N, C-alpha and C. Protein backbone atom coordinates (compact mmCIF):
# COMPACT_ATOMS: atom_id res chain seq x y z
N MET A 1 10.49 12.32 -13.26
CA MET A 1 10.50 10.97 -12.91
C MET A 1 12.14 11.51 -11.87
N GLU A 2 12.46 10.35 -11.03
CA GLU A 2 13.63 11.11 -10.13
C GLU A 2 14.94 9.67 -10.93
N LEU A 3 15.59 10.76 -10.80
CA LEU A 3 17.22 10.45 -11.37
C LEU A 3 17.94 9.44 -10.58
N PRO A 4 18.60 9.00 -10.87
CA PRO A 4 18.72 8.25 -12.18
C PRO A 4 17.98 7.05 -11.94
N TYR A 5 17.37 6.63 -13.13
CA TYR A 5 16.33 5.38 -13.56
C TYR A 5 16.57 4.28 -14.98
N TYR A 6 15.78 4.00 -15.02
CA TYR A 6 16.57 2.54 -16.06
C TYR A 6 15.40 2.91 -17.33
N ALA A 7 15.57 2.61 -18.65
CA ALA A 7 15.18 2.36 -19.54
C ALA A 7 15.22 0.82 -20.20
N VAL A 8 14.17 0.26 -20.41
CA VAL A 8 13.98 -0.99 -21.56
C VAL A 8 14.38 -0.96 -22.49
N ILE A 9 14.79 -0.86 -23.51
CA ILE A 9 13.81 -0.38 -25.07
C ILE A 9 14.48 -1.34 -25.76
N PHE A 10 12.78 -1.30 -25.92
CA PHE A 10 12.48 -2.95 -26.83
C PHE A 10 12.25 -2.65 -28.71
N THR A 11 13.15 -2.75 -29.32
CA THR A 11 12.73 -2.86 -30.50
C THR A 11 12.25 -4.13 -31.89
N SER A 12 11.14 -4.01 -32.72
CA SER A 12 11.14 -5.29 -33.20
C SER A 12 10.29 -4.85 -33.95
N ILE A 13 10.89 -6.01 -35.41
CA ILE A 13 10.04 -6.42 -36.86
C ILE A 13 9.42 -7.36 -36.78
N LEU A 14 7.98 -7.04 -36.83
CA LEU A 14 6.95 -7.95 -37.47
C LEU A 14 6.79 -9.45 -38.22
N SER A 15 6.91 -10.55 -37.78
CA SER A 15 7.15 -11.16 -38.74
C SER A 15 5.59 -11.24 -39.77
N GLU A 16 4.99 -11.97 -40.42
CA GLU A 16 4.08 -11.60 -41.55
C GLU A 16 3.15 -12.47 -40.40
N ASN A 17 3.15 -13.34 -39.34
CA ASN A 17 2.28 -13.94 -38.47
C ASN A 17 2.49 -12.51 -37.39
N THR A 18 1.03 -11.92 -37.75
CA THR A 18 1.13 -10.81 -36.58
C THR A 18 -0.01 -11.80 -34.98
N LYS A 19 -0.78 -11.91 -35.60
CA LYS A 19 -2.03 -12.88 -35.24
C LYS A 19 -2.07 -13.17 -33.55
N GLY A 20 -2.08 -11.88 -32.73
CA GLY A 20 -2.49 -12.76 -31.12
C GLY A 20 -1.25 -11.17 -31.01
N TYR A 21 -0.30 -10.48 -31.28
CA TYR A 21 1.00 -9.41 -31.03
C TYR A 21 0.25 -8.34 -30.81
N PHE A 22 -0.97 -7.58 -30.95
CA PHE A 22 -1.42 -6.52 -30.43
C PHE A 22 -1.99 -6.74 -28.83
N GLU A 23 -2.79 -7.96 -29.27
CA GLU A 23 -3.36 -8.16 -27.98
C GLU A 23 -2.45 -8.27 -26.47
N MET A 24 -1.14 -9.49 -27.43
CA MET A 24 -0.22 -9.58 -26.09
C MET A 24 0.18 -8.10 -26.05
N SER A 25 0.57 -7.28 -26.77
CA SER A 25 1.21 -6.08 -26.22
C SER A 25 0.44 -5.81 -25.49
N GLU A 26 -0.38 -4.73 -25.52
CA GLU A 26 -1.28 -4.45 -24.55
C GLU A 26 -1.34 -4.78 -23.50
N LYS A 27 -1.63 -5.92 -23.00
CA LYS A 27 -1.68 -7.07 -22.58
C LYS A 27 -0.59 -6.91 -21.50
N MET A 28 0.46 -7.23 -21.69
CA MET A 28 2.29 -6.77 -20.80
C MET A 28 2.05 -5.47 -20.37
N GLU A 29 1.57 -4.48 -21.86
CA GLU A 29 1.89 -2.75 -20.96
C GLU A 29 1.05 -3.06 -19.36
N ASP A 30 -0.26 -3.38 -19.32
CA ASP A 30 -1.15 -3.49 -18.61
C ASP A 30 -0.20 -4.33 -17.36
N LEU A 31 0.53 -5.11 -17.65
CA LEU A 31 0.94 -5.97 -16.42
C LEU A 31 2.00 -5.55 -16.36
N ALA A 32 2.74 -4.99 -16.62
CA ALA A 32 4.05 -4.08 -16.53
C ALA A 32 3.93 -2.72 -15.44
N LYS A 33 2.74 -2.65 -15.79
CA LYS A 33 2.31 -0.74 -15.08
C LYS A 33 1.64 -1.17 -13.41
N GLN A 34 1.92 -2.83 -13.49
CA GLN A 34 1.20 -3.11 -12.23
C GLN A 34 2.73 -3.66 -11.32
N GLN A 35 3.62 -3.96 -12.00
CA GLN A 35 4.98 -4.26 -11.23
C GLN A 35 5.99 -3.25 -10.17
N GLU A 36 6.04 -4.10 -9.50
CA GLU A 36 7.03 -3.01 -8.66
C GLU A 36 8.01 -2.05 -8.95
N GLY A 37 8.47 -0.97 -9.42
CA GLY A 37 9.34 -0.18 -9.77
C GLY A 37 8.93 0.33 -11.30
N PHE A 38 7.54 0.26 -11.64
CA PHE A 38 7.26 0.46 -13.38
C PHE A 38 7.21 2.51 -12.79
N ILE A 39 7.50 3.02 -13.88
CA ILE A 39 7.56 4.78 -13.90
C ILE A 39 6.26 4.73 -15.13
N GLY A 40 7.06 3.99 -15.84
CA GLY A 40 6.25 4.46 -17.26
C GLY A 40 6.61 3.73 -18.60
N ILE A 41 5.78 4.33 -19.20
CA ILE A 41 6.10 3.50 -21.18
C ILE A 41 5.82 5.04 -22.04
N ASP A 42 6.65 4.63 -23.24
CA ASP A 42 6.29 4.86 -24.71
C ASP A 42 6.61 3.73 -25.43
N SER A 43 5.96 4.20 -26.67
CA SER A 43 5.66 3.40 -27.56
C SER A 43 5.03 4.02 -28.97
N SER A 44 5.58 3.40 -30.21
CA SER A 44 5.41 3.76 -31.11
C SER A 44 6.15 2.63 -32.50
N ARG A 45 5.14 3.04 -33.20
CA ARG A 45 5.20 1.42 -34.27
C ARG A 45 5.12 1.72 -35.68
N SER A 46 5.48 1.47 -36.38
CA SER A 46 5.41 1.82 -38.61
C SER A 46 6.40 0.23 -38.52
N GLU A 47 7.15 0.76 -39.63
CA GLU A 47 8.07 -0.95 -40.14
C GLU A 47 8.85 -1.66 -38.46
N ILE A 48 9.21 -0.77 -37.96
CA ILE A 48 9.57 -1.21 -37.07
C ILE A 48 8.99 -0.52 -35.40
N GLY A 49 8.83 -1.68 -34.76
CA GLY A 49 8.39 -1.01 -33.62
C GLY A 49 9.43 -0.59 -32.22
N ILE A 50 9.72 0.66 -31.47
CA ILE A 50 9.82 0.95 -30.53
C ILE A 50 9.10 0.64 -29.00
N THR A 51 9.39 0.33 -27.88
CA THR A 51 8.84 0.58 -26.99
C THR A 51 10.12 0.67 -25.85
N VAL A 52 9.89 2.18 -24.76
CA VAL A 52 11.04 1.98 -24.16
C VAL A 52 10.35 2.14 -22.39
N SER A 53 10.18 1.37 -21.49
CA SER A 53 9.68 1.07 -20.40
C SER A 53 11.02 1.72 -19.14
N TYR A 54 10.07 2.75 -18.26
CA TYR A 54 11.61 3.13 -16.90
C TYR A 54 10.89 2.67 -15.70
N TRP A 55 12.15 2.69 -15.61
CA TRP A 55 11.76 2.11 -14.17
C TRP A 55 12.35 2.16 -13.08
N LYS A 56 12.38 1.87 -11.76
CA LYS A 56 13.04 2.67 -10.46
C LYS A 56 14.70 1.93 -10.69
N SER A 57 15.11 0.35 -10.56
CA SER A 57 16.09 -0.15 -10.58
C SER A 57 16.11 -1.11 -11.68
N LEU A 58 17.70 -1.96 -10.94
CA LEU A 58 17.88 -2.91 -12.22
C LEU A 58 16.66 -4.43 -11.47
N GLU A 59 16.40 -4.38 -10.68
CA GLU A 59 16.37 -5.31 -9.65
C GLU A 59 14.44 -5.67 -10.44
N ASN A 60 14.26 -4.41 -9.91
CA ASN A 60 12.85 -4.04 -11.12
C ASN A 60 12.54 -4.63 -12.45
N ILE A 61 13.46 -4.32 -12.66
CA ILE A 61 13.78 -4.89 -14.13
C ILE A 61 13.78 -6.28 -14.16
N GLU A 62 14.86 -7.02 -13.38
CA GLU A 62 14.59 -8.51 -13.60
C GLU A 62 13.52 -9.31 -12.70
N LYS A 63 13.26 -8.80 -11.61
CA LYS A 63 11.90 -9.21 -11.79
C LYS A 63 11.02 -9.23 -12.72
N TRP A 64 10.70 -8.11 -13.62
CA TRP A 64 9.48 -8.36 -14.68
C TRP A 64 9.99 -9.12 -15.92
N LYS A 65 11.32 -9.41 -15.89
CA LYS A 65 11.23 -10.41 -16.92
C LYS A 65 11.33 -11.82 -16.36
N GLN A 66 11.21 -11.31 -15.82
CA GLN A 66 11.01 -13.16 -15.09
C GLN A 66 9.49 -13.56 -14.70
N ASN A 67 8.83 -12.58 -14.62
CA ASN A 67 7.09 -12.61 -14.32
C ASN A 67 6.86 -13.65 -15.64
N SER A 68 6.14 -14.49 -14.89
CA SER A 68 5.68 -15.52 -15.65
C SER A 68 5.05 -15.29 -16.95
N ASP A 69 3.89 -14.90 -16.73
CA ASP A 69 3.13 -14.04 -18.32
C ASP A 69 3.89 -13.39 -18.62
N HIS A 70 4.84 -12.47 -18.85
CA HIS A 70 5.93 -11.96 -19.25
C HIS A 70 7.32 -13.06 -20.12
N ILE A 71 7.16 -13.90 -19.31
CA ILE A 71 7.73 -15.14 -19.80
C ILE A 71 7.41 -15.81 -21.35
N ILE A 72 5.84 -16.25 -20.86
CA ILE A 72 5.11 -16.46 -22.13
C ILE A 72 5.20 -15.69 -23.47
N ALA A 73 5.17 -13.78 -23.15
CA ALA A 73 4.99 -13.15 -24.50
C ALA A 73 6.34 -13.40 -25.15
N GLN A 74 7.67 -13.10 -23.89
CA GLN A 74 8.86 -13.28 -24.43
C GLN A 74 8.89 -14.98 -25.81
N GLN A 75 8.56 -16.15 -25.17
CA GLN A 75 8.69 -16.92 -25.70
C GLN A 75 7.69 -17.12 -27.06
N LYS A 76 6.64 -16.08 -27.05
CA LYS A 76 6.16 -16.21 -28.22
C LYS A 76 6.48 -14.92 -29.26
N GLY A 77 7.49 -13.99 -28.60
CA GLY A 77 8.36 -12.96 -29.31
C GLY A 77 9.16 -13.65 -30.14
N LYS A 78 9.23 -14.78 -30.42
CA LYS A 78 11.18 -15.39 -30.98
C LYS A 78 10.54 -15.29 -32.55
N GLU A 79 8.67 -15.14 -32.34
CA GLU A 79 8.67 -15.57 -34.03
C GLU A 79 8.76 -14.55 -34.36
N SER A 80 9.25 -13.07 -34.19
CA SER A 80 10.09 -11.91 -34.85
C SER A 80 11.04 -11.80 -34.34
N TRP A 81 11.97 -10.55 -34.97
CA TRP A 81 13.07 -10.19 -34.88
C TRP A 81 12.84 -9.18 -33.73
N TYR A 82 13.75 -9.07 -32.35
CA TYR A 82 13.46 -8.42 -31.34
C TYR A 82 14.98 -8.14 -30.65
N ASN A 83 15.50 -7.21 -30.32
CA ASN A 83 16.15 -6.94 -29.94
C ASN A 83 15.88 -6.11 -28.42
N VAL A 84 16.50 -5.87 -27.18
CA VAL A 84 16.42 -5.62 -25.86
C VAL A 84 17.58 -4.82 -25.92
N LYS A 85 17.50 -3.65 -24.91
CA LYS A 85 18.73 -2.42 -24.24
C LYS A 85 17.90 -2.19 -23.04
N ILE A 86 19.29 -2.21 -21.99
CA ILE A 86 19.39 -1.47 -21.01
C ILE A 86 19.51 -0.29 -20.45
N CYS A 87 19.67 0.66 -20.36
CA CYS A 87 20.30 1.84 -20.16
C CYS A 87 19.97 2.54 -18.80
N LYS A 88 20.88 3.15 -18.33
CA LYS A 88 20.73 4.25 -17.43
C LYS A 88 20.79 5.39 -17.69
N VAL A 89 19.55 5.69 -17.04
CA VAL A 89 19.51 7.40 -17.69
C VAL A 89 19.61 8.19 -16.89
N GLU A 90 21.23 8.89 -16.49
CA GLU A 90 21.69 10.37 -15.31
C GLU A 90 20.73 11.31 -15.70
N ARG A 91 20.31 11.89 -17.45
CA ARG A 91 19.82 13.39 -17.06
C ARG A 91 19.06 13.60 -18.03
N GLU A 92 17.92 14.38 -18.68
CA GLU A 92 16.59 14.19 -18.91
C GLU A 92 16.50 15.30 -19.19
N TYR A 93 16.12 15.88 -20.53
CA TYR A 93 15.47 17.34 -20.54
C TYR A 93 14.48 17.03 -21.22
N GLU A 94 13.91 17.72 -20.49
CA GLU A 94 12.00 18.92 -21.55
C GLU A 94 11.80 19.53 -22.60
N PHE A 95 11.30 19.54 -23.72
CA PHE A 95 11.25 20.21 -25.06
C PHE A 95 11.22 21.95 -23.73
N GLY A 96 12.11 22.41 -24.71
CA GLY A 96 12.80 24.16 -23.71
C GLY A 96 13.07 24.17 -23.18
N ASP A 97 13.91 23.03 -22.66
CA ASP A 97 15.44 22.43 -21.87
C ASP A 97 16.31 22.73 -22.53
N LEU A 98 16.37 22.51 -23.93
CA LEU A 98 17.62 22.15 -24.85
C LEU A 98 18.10 23.02 -24.93
């Protein structure tokens, strides 16, 4: 990935009602991949879920945040605890480079 770029870090703890959560998560990932400026995504879930999406610019992130389908997912996500952080990535290392 060309530096610098931005990482949106989404962490969540599911409520007891997970109906539709995983389907919505897959839909949002597929939709994000179609957005201008999307670079990639990493995700993991156990008790706490973490998804990191990578973007070329803050403007691309703002457009994604305003996507109508994404807004619906955000509203549904209020049923569980979640936190979003946006970070500028200025340096990265691959395994073996440390």
